[in-house]
Amino acid sequence: MNEKPGMLLSIVTPAFNEETNLPLFHGQLKAALDPIGVEWEWIVVDDHSPDGTWTTLRELAAREPRLKAVRLARNSGSHAALACGLQQARGDCAAVLAADLQDPPETLPAVLVKCRAG
């Protein structure tokens, strides 16, 4: 299922204390989206986590050019993190997925079908 050229999917993920989940999430994103040939970006907004979330994001971003990591100056809650991420999104459509893998990235191809259908 190759998407139309130039279509960009933005995945927005608010994160708080997610240092262990983010690498797993990234692997699942790649496994779900790379085989279908869609262009994607992943915007993760760290809600000023006290754990190693920000360090993990910086390490992932150094290896993954499709990742945009943003850190809020103070803990503001998931809604503020989500709003910040959506403001950063450049895609033709956006999907919001939780960093705890509650929303599995494997659902994204079906989301793309709905985006293409309007």
Protein backbone atom coordinates (compact mmCIF):
# COMPACT_ATOMS: atom_id res chain seq x y z
CA MET A 1 0.00 0.00 0.00
CA ASN A 2 2.21 2.83 -1.22
CA GLU A 3 0.76 6.21 -0.40
CA LYS A 4 0.48 9.05 -2.87
CA PRO A 5 3.79 10.89 -3.28
CA GLY A 6 4.31 13.68 -0.82
CA MET A 7 1.77 12.47 1.74
CA LEU A 8 3.20 12.96 5.21
CA LEU A 9 1.79 11.32 8.31
CA SER A 10 2.51 13.03 11.63
CA ILE A 11 2.48 10.86 14.73
CA VAL A 12 2.20 12.93 17.91
CA THR A 13 3.09 11.37 21.25
CA PRO A 14 2.93 13.14 24.60
CA ALA A 15 5.39 11.51 27.00
CA PHE A 16 5.85 11.52 30.76
CA ASN A 17 8.23 9.02 32.39
CA GLU A 18 8.45 6.93 29.22
CA GLU A 19 12.19 6.32 28.91
CA THR A 20 11.78 2.55 28.59
CA ASN A 21 8.76 2.64 26.27
CA LEU A 22 10.07 5.09 23.66
CA PRO A 23 12.65 2.79 22.03
CA LEU A 24 10.02 0.02 21.81
CA PHE A 25 7.49 2.47 20.37
CA HIS A 26 10.01 3.63 17.79
CA GLY A 27 10.70 0.06 16.70
CA GLN A 28 7.00 -0.61 16.31
CA LEU A 29 6.50 2.59 14.30
CA LYS A 30 9.22 1.59 11.87
CA ALA A 31 7.84 -1.95 11.58
CA ALA A 32 4.32 -0.66 10.87
CA LEU A 33 5.11 2.21 8.50
CA ASP A 34 8.36 1.59 6.65
CA PRO A 35 7.10 -1.49 4.73
CA ILE A 36 4.12 0.41 3.30
CA GLY A 37 6.25 3.26 1.98
CA VAL A 38 4.55 6.16 3.73
CA GLU A 39 6.52 9.27 4.65
CA TRP A 40 6.17 9.94 8.37
CA GLU A 41 7.39 12.09 11.19
CA TRP A 42 7.20 11.36 14.90
CA ILE A 43 6.79 14.27 17.26
CA VAL A 44 7.32 13.42 20.91
CA VAL A 45 6.69 16.05 23.55
CA ASP A 46 8.30 15.31 26.90
CA ASP A 47 6.11 16.79 29.62
CA HIS A 48 9.21 17.58 31.69
CA SER A 49 9.66 14.01 32.92
CA PRO A 50 11.87 13.55 35.97
CA ASP A 51 13.23 10.23 34.64
CA GLY A 52 15.46 9.70 31.59
CA THR A 53 12.77 10.37 28.98
CA TRP A 54 14.50 13.46 27.59
CA THR A 55 17.88 11.72 27.39
CA THR A 56 16.28 8.76 25.62
CA LEU A 57 14.56 11.10 23.15
CA ARG A 58 17.79 12.92 22.36
CA GLU A 59 19.56 9.60 21.77
CA LEU A 60 16.77 8.37 19.49
CA ALA A 61 16.66 11.68 17.60
CA ALA A 62 20.40 11.44 16.92
CA ARG A 63 19.73 8.20 15.01
CA GLU A 64 16.25 8.91 13.62
CA PRO A 65 15.84 12.00 11.44
CA ARG A 66 12.05 11.58 11.40
CA LEU A 67 11.86 12.19 15.16
CA LYS A 68 11.30 15.68 16.48
CA ALA A 69 11.76 15.82 20.26
CA VAL A 70 10.36 18.73 22.24
CA ARG A 71 10.59 19.23 25.99
CA LEU A 72 8.21 21.44 27.94
CA ALA A 73 9.88 23.85 30.37
CA ARG A 74 7.78 22.49 33.22
CA ASN A 75 5.26 19.72 33.77
CA SER A 76 2.08 21.00 32.14
CA GLY A 77 0.00 17.87 31.62
CA SER A 78 -0.72 15.63 28.68
CA HIS A 79 -3.19 18.04 27.05
CA ALA A 80 -0.58 20.80 26.86
CA ALA A 81 1.99 18.33 25.53
CA LEU A 82 -0.48 17.12 22.94
CA ALA A 83 -1.35 20.68 21.83
CA CYS A 84 2.36 21.47 21.53
CA GLY A 85 2.95 18.37 19.41
CA LEU A 86 0.04 19.10 17.09
CA GLN A 87 1.37 22.63 16.57
CA GLN A 88 4.68 21.11 15.46
CA ALA A 89 3.06 18.61 13.06
CA ARG A 90 3.67 19.17 9.35
CA GLY A 91 1.70 16.21 8.03
CA ASP A 92 -1.30 15.94 5.76
CA CYS A 93 -2.91 14.02 8.60
CA ALA A 94 -1.97 13.39 12.22
CA ALA A 95 -2.41 10.50 14.60
CA VAL A 96 -2.08 10.79 18.36
CA LEU A 97 -0.61 7.71 20.01
CA ALA A 98 0.23 7.20 23.68
CA ALA A 99 3.85 6.42 24.51
CA ASP A 100 2.86 3.52 26.75
CA LEU A 101 1.87 1.51 23.64
CA GLN A 102 -1.78 1.57 24.71
CA ASP A 103 -2.40 2.68 21.11
CA PRO A 104 -0.35 0.25 19.02
CA PRO A 105 1.44 1.68 15.97
CA GLU A 106 0.16 -1.34 14.01
CA THR A 107 -3.17 0.51 13.77
CA LEU A 108 -1.64 3.28 11.65
CA PRO A 109 -2.03 1.66 8.21
CA ALA A 110 -5.81 1.56 8.81
CA VAL A 111 -5.71 5.21 9.85
CA LEU A 112 -3.97 6.04 6.58
CA VAL A 113 -6.71 4.33 4.59
CA LYS A 114 -9.26 6.57 6.34
CA CYS A 115 -7.14 9.68 5.74
CA ARG A 116 -6.91 8.90 2.04
CA ALA A 117 -10.67 8.39 1.89
CA GLY A 118 -11.22 11.83 3.41
